[in-house]
Amino acid sequence: MHIDRDVYPDYPMSWQARTFNGLLRGTLKPASSLLLRHPLALDAAARLGTLSRLLPMTPPGHVGIVPARFSDCGGEWIRAGEGLDERKALLYFHGGGYFSCSPRTHRPVTWRLSVVARRPVLALDYRQGPVHRLAESLADALDAYSCLLARGHAPSDILLAGDSAGGHLCLATLLALRDRGLPLPEAALCLSPWADLTDVPRRANRWQDPMLPAGRVRWLARHWTAGLDPRDPLVSPVNGDYTGLPPLMIVTGSTEVLRDEARRVAVKARRAGVPVRYEEWPRMPHVFPILADVLPEARLAFRHMAAFLADVRGRAFLEDAA
C-alpha cells in the first residue's frame, strides 16, 4: 500500500490555473484584506452566504441531491456515479472560515467525492458564526456522525472529509471521537485544512498566496477563539495527539499561507503512527479541488483521492485477512 508518503505533483501548470491565480490576486485577496477588519463585516458576509443558498448552483444531470435534516442543522445527500454502495457514506464539512458558504456552494467537490468514494455523500450544513461558536459547529459534526451510526452504517464504512474551516472541523471531529472513546471512521480527507487558530503570524507564503491574506486569517482566528484556549487541540488541531486515528489524506497548494500547518499535521500524525498521504500541489490556490469545473489540476486531484481511497480499502482487506 502507498498511503504513507509525500507527493509533490509535477504536472505543468495549466493556463487556466495561471489565469485564475491572477484573478484571485487582483480581486478576492485585496477585497478580503479591506473588508475583514470588523465583526460587522463577518455579519455582512454571513448574510451574503445565506443569499447564496438561493442561487441556481445546479450540478450535472446525473447527480442526485436530497435534503437531509438533523437536530440543529441540515444538509444534503449527494449521489453521483454508478454502483454506489448505500451501506457506506462520506460525511463532508464545507469550508468558508466558519462564517460563509454551505453544502450548495461546495457541490463541485461533493458530487465528485461521491464518484471517487463510490458512496453517497452527506454534506453537513453545520451552524456557523457570527451567531454560533466553534463548539456548536463541532457538536453538529458529532451529531451527524452519530446519526450515520444510528442509520446502521458501520464506522469502517464511513469516511470524513472537509476543506479549509471544514478541514479544521474534520480534524477536530476525529480528535473528539477518539477522546470520547467512540468508534472512528475508515479514513479522512482534508483539503487545505485550517489547523492552527493560535495567534501566530503566518510569514510563509504571505506574498505568494494568491487568495488568502495572512493578516486576515490571523484576525479571523482571534475572533473565533475569543474566550477560548487557542492551544486546545479541538480549537487548534495542529496541537493534537493523533494516536489511534485512521489514515489521513491532506491536500494543499505549495503557495498557500495555510500550507505549513497542513504539513505540521501530517508530521504529527505520522509520528503518532497514522498513515498519511500528504500532497502539496505547485502554485495551486486554496482549496483548488473546488475549481474542478475549470482547472485540469483540480480534476487530477480527484484521481489522486480515488487512489488514496483504493489504498485504504486494500489496507483494510489485508488487515482483515491477517
Protein backbone atom coordinates (compact mmCIF):
# COMPACT_ATOMS: atom_id res chain seq x y z
CA MET A 1 0.00 0.00 0.00
CA HIS A 2 1.18 3.54 -0.78
CA ILE A 3 -0.70 5.57 1.82
CA ASP A 4 2.12 6.86 4.00
CA ARG A 5 4.07 9.16 1.69
CA ASP A 6 4.58 12.71 0.48
CA VAL A 7 3.52 13.59 -3.05
CA TYR A 8 4.58 16.70 -4.95
CA PRO A 9 2.78 16.51 -8.31
CA ASP A 10 4.88 17.90 -11.14
CA TYR A 11 2.20 18.46 -13.75
CA PRO A 12 2.82 21.53 -15.97
CA MET A 13 0.75 24.42 -14.66
CA SER A 14 -2.29 24.96 -16.88
CA TRP A 15 -3.16 28.30 -18.43
CA GLN A 16 -6.46 28.08 -16.58
CA ALA A 17 -4.64 27.94 -13.23
CA ARG A 18 -2.36 30.84 -14.16
CA THR A 19 -5.37 32.93 -15.19
CA PHE A 20 -7.39 32.07 -12.09
CA ASN A 21 -4.49 32.84 -9.75
CA GLY A 22 -4.20 36.24 -11.37
CA LEU A 23 -7.91 36.90 -10.94
CA LEU A 24 -7.81 35.90 -7.27
CA ARG A 25 -4.74 38.06 -6.62
CA GLY A 26 -6.42 41.06 -8.17
CA THR A 27 -9.93 40.69 -6.71
CA LEU A 28 -10.67 38.37 -3.78
CA LYS A 29 -7.40 38.84 -1.88
CA PRO A 30 -7.48 42.66 -1.77
CA ALA A 31 -11.21 42.63 -1.06
CA SER A 32 -10.68 40.31 1.92
CA SER A 33 -7.80 42.45 3.16
CA LEU A 34 -10.02 45.52 3.06
CA LEU A 35 -13.29 44.12 4.41
CA LEU A 36 -12.37 41.56 7.06
CA ARG A 37 -11.44 44.08 9.73
CA HIS A 38 -14.58 44.32 11.87
CA PRO A 39 -17.18 41.88 13.22
CA LEU A 40 -19.83 43.70 11.20
CA ALA A 41 -18.03 42.54 8.06
CA LEU A 42 -18.48 38.93 9.20
CA ASP A 43 -22.18 39.52 9.70
CA ALA A 44 -22.50 41.02 6.21
CA ALA A 45 -20.52 38.15 4.68
CA ALA A 46 -22.68 35.62 6.50
CA ARG A 47 -25.80 37.28 5.12
CA LEU A 48 -24.37 37.10 1.61
CA GLY A 49 -23.65 33.43 2.26
CA THR A 50 -27.29 32.92 3.17
CA LEU A 51 -28.32 34.52 -0.12
CA SER A 52 -26.01 32.13 -1.99
CA ARG A 53 -28.32 29.30 -0.97
CA LEU A 54 -30.89 30.77 -3.33
CA LEU A 55 -28.59 30.77 -6.35
CA PRO A 56 -29.20 28.11 -9.05
CA MET A 57 -25.98 26.13 -8.48
CA THR A 58 -27.08 23.03 -10.34
CA PRO A 59 -24.71 20.09 -10.69
CA PRO A 60 -24.70 17.79 -13.75
CA GLY A 61 -27.92 15.94 -14.51
CA HIS A 62 -26.58 12.59 -13.31
CA VAL A 63 -26.13 13.95 -9.76
CA GLY A 64 -28.95 13.35 -7.29
CA ILE A 65 -29.48 15.69 -4.33
CA VAL A 66 -31.86 15.03 -1.44
CA PRO A 67 -32.24 17.39 1.57
CA ALA A 68 -31.32 15.97 4.98
CA ARG A 69 -32.35 17.19 8.44
CA PHE A 70 -30.69 16.82 11.82
CA SER A 71 -31.45 18.10 15.31
CA ASP A 72 -29.92 21.56 14.99
CA CYS A 73 -28.78 21.68 11.39
CA GLY A 74 -29.50 20.39 7.94
CA GLY A 75 -27.57 19.23 4.95
CA GLU A 76 -27.98 17.27 1.76
CA TRP A 77 -27.30 13.80 0.41
CA ILE A 78 -25.38 13.79 -2.88
CA ARG A 79 -25.24 10.74 -5.11
CA ALA A 80 -23.19 10.64 -8.32
CA GLY A 81 -21.63 7.91 -10.40
CA GLU A 82 -22.67 4.31 -10.87
CA GLY A 83 -22.71 1.39 -8.49
CA LEU A 84 -22.77 3.38 -5.25
CA ASP A 85 -22.65 1.31 -2.09
CA GLU A 86 -25.55 2.55 0.04
CA ARG A 87 -24.11 0.76 3.06
CA LYS A 88 -21.29 3.32 3.04
CA ALA A 89 -21.25 7.10 3.48
CA LEU A 90 -18.93 10.09 3.35
CA LEU A 91 -19.60 12.94 5.79
CA TYR A 92 -18.43 16.27 4.33
CA PHE A 93 -17.78 19.57 6.11
CA HIS A 94 -17.66 22.61 3.80
CA GLY A 95 -15.21 25.46 4.27
CA GLY A 96 -15.83 29.18 4.45
CA GLY A 97 -13.99 30.43 7.52
CA TYR A 98 -16.83 29.37 9.84
CA PHE A 99 -18.97 32.25 8.62
CA SER A 100 -19.87 31.64 4.97
CA CYS A 101 -20.65 29.03 2.31
CA SER A 102 -22.90 25.98 2.55
CA PRO A 103 -23.32 22.48 1.11
CA ARG A 104 -24.73 24.14 -2.01
CA THR A 105 -21.57 26.17 -2.70
CA HIS A 106 -19.40 23.04 -2.39
CA ARG A 107 -21.29 20.74 -4.73
CA PRO A 108 -18.39 20.76 -7.24
CA VAL A 109 -16.44 18.91 -4.54
CA THR A 110 -19.14 16.73 -3.00
CA TRP A 111 -20.54 15.20 -6.17
CA ARG A 112 -17.04 14.29 -7.36
CA LEU A 113 -16.25 12.77 -3.97
CA SER A 114 -19.35 10.62 -4.34
CA VAL A 115 -17.92 9.33 -7.63
CA VAL A 116 -14.41 8.60 -6.35
CA ALA A 117 -15.57 7.20 -3.00
CA ARG A 118 -18.34 5.15 -4.65
CA ARG A 119 -20.83 6.06 -1.95
CA PRO A 120 -23.39 8.73 -1.04
CA VAL A 121 -22.03 11.95 0.46
CA LEU A 122 -23.74 13.72 3.35
CA ALA A 123 -22.79 17.41 3.15
CA LEU A 124 -23.49 18.93 6.55
CA ASP A 125 -24.99 22.41 6.93
CA TYR A 126 -23.48 22.92 10.37
CA ARG A 127 -24.05 26.02 12.50
CA GLN A 128 -21.59 28.85 11.85
CA GLY A 129 -20.61 32.28 13.13
CA PRO A 130 -21.13 35.02 13.80
CA VAL A 131 -24.24 33.73 15.60
CA HIS A 132 -22.74 30.38 16.63
CA ARG A 133 -19.40 29.32 18.07
CA LEU A 134 -16.83 26.63 17.25
CA ALA A 135 -18.22 24.29 19.90
CA GLU A 136 -21.63 24.33 18.23
CA SER A 137 -20.13 23.52 14.83
CA LEU A 138 -18.30 20.59 16.41
CA ALA A 139 -21.47 19.44 18.18
CA ASP A 140 -23.27 19.36 14.84
CA ALA A 141 -20.46 17.34 13.26
CA LEU A 142 -20.52 14.79 16.08
CA ASP A 143 -24.31 14.64 15.93
CA ALA A 144 -24.22 13.93 12.19
CA TYR A 145 -21.65 11.16 12.67
CA SER A 146 -23.81 9.62 15.42
CA CYS A 147 -26.78 9.84 13.08
CA LEU A 148 -24.91 7.83 10.44
CA LEU A 149 -24.12 5.17 13.04
CA ALA A 150 -27.77 5.12 14.12
CA ARG A 151 -28.80 4.62 10.47
CA GLY A 152 -26.82 1.38 10.52
CA HIS A 153 -23.56 2.49 8.91
CA ALA A 154 -20.57 0.71 10.41
CA PRO A 155 -17.72 3.06 11.42
CA SER A 156 -15.47 1.26 8.93
CA ASP A 157 -17.96 2.21 6.19
CA ILE A 158 -17.79 5.96 6.94
CA LEU A 159 -15.32 8.50 5.57
CA LEU A 160 -14.86 12.07 6.81
CA ALA A 161 -13.77 14.94 4.60
CA GLY A 162 -13.63 18.72 4.67
CA ASP A 163 -11.91 21.79 3.26
CA SER A 164 -10.37 24.84 4.94
CA ALA A 165 -12.51 25.52 8.03
CA GLY A 166 -14.26 22.25 7.18
CA GLY A 167 -10.84 20.59 7.27
CA HIS A 168 -10.42 22.05 10.76
CA LEU A 169 -13.80 20.60 11.71
CA CYS A 170 -12.84 17.24 10.21
CA LEU A 171 -9.67 17.03 12.32
CA ALA A 172 -11.42 18.28 15.48
CA THR A 173 -14.17 15.69 14.97
CA LEU A 174 -11.62 12.87 14.70
CA LEU A 175 -9.87 14.00 17.88
CA ALA A 176 -13.16 14.40 19.76
CA LEU A 177 -14.41 10.96 18.68
CA ARG A 178 -11.15 9.34 19.80
CA ASP A 179 -11.10 11.20 23.12
CA ARG A 180 -14.70 10.15 23.85
CA GLY A 181 -13.94 6.52 23.13
CA LEU A 182 -16.29 6.43 20.14
CA PRO A 183 -15.66 4.27 17.06
CA LEU A 184 -13.61 6.01 14.39
CA PRO A 185 -14.30 6.25 10.65
CA GLU A 186 -12.36 4.39 7.96
CA ALA A 187 -10.27 7.39 6.85
CA ALA A 188 -10.39 11.16 6.36
CA LEU A 189 -9.51 13.65 3.60
CA CYS A 190 -8.57 17.24 4.43
CA LEU A 191 -8.30 19.84 1.67
CA SER A 192 -6.23 22.90 2.65
CA PRO A 193 -7.10 22.47 6.35
CA TRP A 194 -7.07 25.48 8.65
CA ALA A 195 -5.46 23.73 11.60
CA ASP A 196 -3.80 26.45 13.69
CA LEU A 197 -6.02 29.08 15.34
CA THR A 198 -3.38 30.29 17.78
CA ASP A 199 -2.29 33.90 17.46
CA VAL A 200 0.65 33.08 15.23
CA PRO A 201 1.85 35.31 12.37
CA ARG A 202 1.93 33.46 9.06
CA ARG A 203 5.10 34.51 7.27
CA ALA A 204 5.46 31.58 4.87
CA ASN A 205 3.73 32.34 1.55
CA ARG A 206 2.45 35.66 2.87
CA TRP A 207 3.01 37.27 -0.52
CA GLN A 208 2.83 34.17 -2.72
CA ASP A 209 -0.70 33.09 -1.72
CA PRO A 210 -3.00 34.38 -4.49
CA MET A 211 -6.15 34.17 -2.39
CA LEU A 212 -5.80 34.42 1.41
CA PRO A 213 -4.32 37.49 3.15
CA ALA A 214 -2.27 36.19 6.09
CA GLY A 215 -3.26 39.06 8.37
CA ARG A 216 -6.96 38.47 7.87
CA VAL A 217 -6.59 34.75 8.64
CA ARG A 218 -4.92 35.73 11.92
CA TRP A 219 -7.68 38.26 12.67
CA LEU A 220 -10.35 35.67 12.00
CA ALA A 221 -8.63 33.15 14.27
CA ARG A 222 -8.55 35.73 17.07
CA HIS A 223 -12.25 36.38 16.58
CA TRP A 224 -13.32 32.73 16.77
CA THR A 225 -11.06 31.89 19.71
CA ALA A 226 -12.12 34.80 21.95
CA GLY A 227 -12.73 33.35 25.40
CA LEU A 228 -11.18 30.00 24.44
CA ASP A 229 -7.75 28.46 24.85
CA PRO A 230 -6.44 28.61 21.26
CA ARG A 231 -3.90 25.89 22.11
CA ASP A 232 -6.68 23.38 22.84
CA PRO A 233 -6.42 20.64 20.16
CA LEU A 234 -10.15 20.94 19.47
CA VAL A 235 -9.55 24.64 18.72
CA SER A 236 -6.16 24.22 17.01
CA PRO A 237 -5.93 20.61 15.80
CA VAL A 238 -2.29 21.15 14.86
CA ASN A 239 -1.61 20.73 18.60
CA GLY A 240 -3.44 17.41 18.82
CA ASP A 241 -2.21 13.93 19.67
CA TYR A 242 -3.11 11.84 16.63
CA THR A 243 -2.51 8.45 18.21
CA GLY A 244 -5.06 5.89 17.06
CA LEU A 245 -6.61 7.95 14.28
CA PRO A 246 -7.41 6.41 10.87
CA PRO A 247 -5.44 7.10 7.66
CA LEU A 248 -5.39 10.72 6.52
CA MET A 249 -5.01 12.40 3.14
CA ILE A 250 -4.02 16.06 3.26
CA VAL A 251 -4.05 18.15 0.07
CA THR A 252 -2.68 21.69 -0.10
CA GLY A 253 -1.14 24.17 -2.51
CA SER A 254 2.56 25.00 -2.31
CA THR A 255 1.92 28.76 -2.10
CA GLU A 256 -0.89 28.76 0.48
CA VAL A 257 -0.50 30.60 3.77
CA LEU A 258 -2.08 27.54 5.40
CA ARG A 259 0.45 25.14 3.86
CA ASP A 260 2.78 24.92 6.85
CA GLU A 261 0.04 23.97 9.31
CA ALA A 262 -1.11 21.24 6.93
CA ARG A 263 2.48 19.96 6.87
CA ARG A 264 2.66 20.07 10.66
CA VAL A 265 -0.50 17.98 10.97
CA ALA A 266 0.97 15.41 8.59
CA VAL A 267 4.22 15.23 10.57
CA LYS A 268 2.48 14.95 13.94
CA ALA A 269 0.08 12.29 12.69
CA ARG A 270 2.93 10.22 11.22
CA ARG A 271 4.89 10.43 14.45
CA ALA A 272 1.82 9.04 16.20
CA GLY A 273 1.72 6.07 13.82
CA VAL A 274 -1.03 7.32 11.50
CA PRO A 275 -0.58 6.61 7.75
CA VAL A 276 -0.68 9.98 5.99
CA ARG A 277 -0.70 10.82 2.31
CA TYR A 278 0.42 14.43 2.13
CA GLU A 279 0.07 16.13 -1.26
CA GLU A 280 1.47 19.59 -2.00
CA TRP A 281 0.46 20.86 -5.43
CA PRO A 282 2.67 23.53 -7.01
CA ARG A 283 1.17 27.03 -7.06
CA MET A 284 -2.41 25.86 -6.59
CA PRO A 285 -4.79 28.22 -4.77
CA HIS A 286 -6.59 27.49 -1.52
CA VAL A 287 -8.99 24.52 -1.82
CA PHE A 288 -8.29 24.25 -5.53
CA PRO A 289 -10.31 20.99 -5.95
CA ILE A 290 -13.49 23.10 -5.71
CA LEU A 291 -12.46 24.58 -9.08
CA ALA A 292 -12.64 21.24 -10.90
CA ASP A 293 -15.11 22.68 -13.40
CA VAL A 294 -12.35 24.93 -14.75
CA LEU A 295 -8.94 23.68 -13.55
CA PRO A 296 -7.40 20.50 -15.01
CA GLU A 297 -5.22 20.18 -11.88
CA ALA A 298 -8.32 20.06 -9.71
CA ARG A 299 -9.77 17.20 -11.75
CA LEU A 300 -6.46 15.35 -11.45
CA ALA A 301 -6.58 15.81 -7.67
CA PHE A 302 -9.76 13.75 -7.52
CA ARG A 303 -7.93 10.93 -9.28
CA HIS A 304 -5.33 11.10 -6.53
CA MET A 305 -8.10 10.96 -3.92
CA ALA A 306 -9.52 7.88 -5.65
CA ALA A 307 -6.07 6.24 -5.47
CA PHE A 308 -5.79 7.05 -1.76
CA LEU A 309 -9.20 5.52 -1.05
CA ALA A 310 -8.28 2.42 -3.07
CA ASP A 311 -5.16 2.07 -0.94
CA VAL A 312 -7.24 2.45 2.22
CA ARG A 313 -9.56 -0.33 1.06
CA GLY A 314 -6.58 -2.52 0.22
CA ARG A 315 -5.03 -1.88 3.63
CA ALA A 316 -8.29 -2.81 5.37
CA PHE A 317 -8.53 -6.01 3.30
CA LEU A 318 -5.01 -7.04 4.29
CA GLU A 319 -5.71 -6.31 7.97
CA ASP A 320 -8.91 -8.37 7.89
CA ALA A 321 -7.09 -11.25 6.20
CA ALA A 322 -4.21 -11.23 8.69
